[in-house]
Amino acid sequence: MKAPGTQRATPWHQDLSYYCVDGMHTATVYVSLDHADADVAVQFVKGSHHWNKSFYPRVFEDGSDFNNDQADAELEPVPDINSNPDQYDIVAWALQPGDTIVFDFRTLHGTGDATIKSLRRAFSTRWIGDDVTYCERPGETSPPYVDHGMQSGDRMREDWFPVLWRRAA
C-alpha cells in the first residue's frame, strides 16, 4: 500500500531471493485493488526471468541489499536499472481495481518514484509448482520459516504448502 503523497520508489528486485524456495515453476499473482496510473504502477524488466541470474533481495525502505552481510555466491547485486533505463525493456500498465498480473519469481520489478495521487493498494500471493524445492538461504527469509525439518533440495512440505492441483499421469 502507498498513501497519496508518497514519493518513494519500490526498488528493483526479484521475488525468488526473498523466499526459501528454488525451481522454475513459480508465480507471483499481483492484484491491483485501486486505480494506478502507469507511472506509479509496478514496472517490469521484460524477459529478465530468462537471464538465469539471481539477485540479492532489497530492503524496500532504502534499496540496500537485504542480508548482504551473509555471503551467497549464487546472488549478485541488482543492476542499476534507473541509471541505464535505455538498456532494458521496461514495461508497465495503468491498472484498474481487479486487474491482475501474473509473473515469474525471477522477473525484476519495482516502481518509480512518481508522487502517488490516490491510494494505491495491491494484494500479492506466491505460487510454487511441482519442481520447486526447499533452498537454504543465508540470513532471514520472508516469511522466516522455522522448525520445518527440510534440507536444501527437499520437496516442499505439503502440510505447509498444500497441493491445489496435480497433473494427470
Foldseek 3Di string as FASTA:
>chain_A
DDAFQFQAKQDWFFQVQQAQKDDFFKKKKKFWQAWDAQQFFKKWQPPQLVPQAHAFGADRVPRHGDLPVFDDPRHHHDDPCVVPVVVTDMDTHTDHGGDIDMDTSRIIMMHHRPGHHHDIDMDMDMAGDDGMFGHDDPDAHVVRDPPPPDDGPHHDDCVVHPDPDDDDD
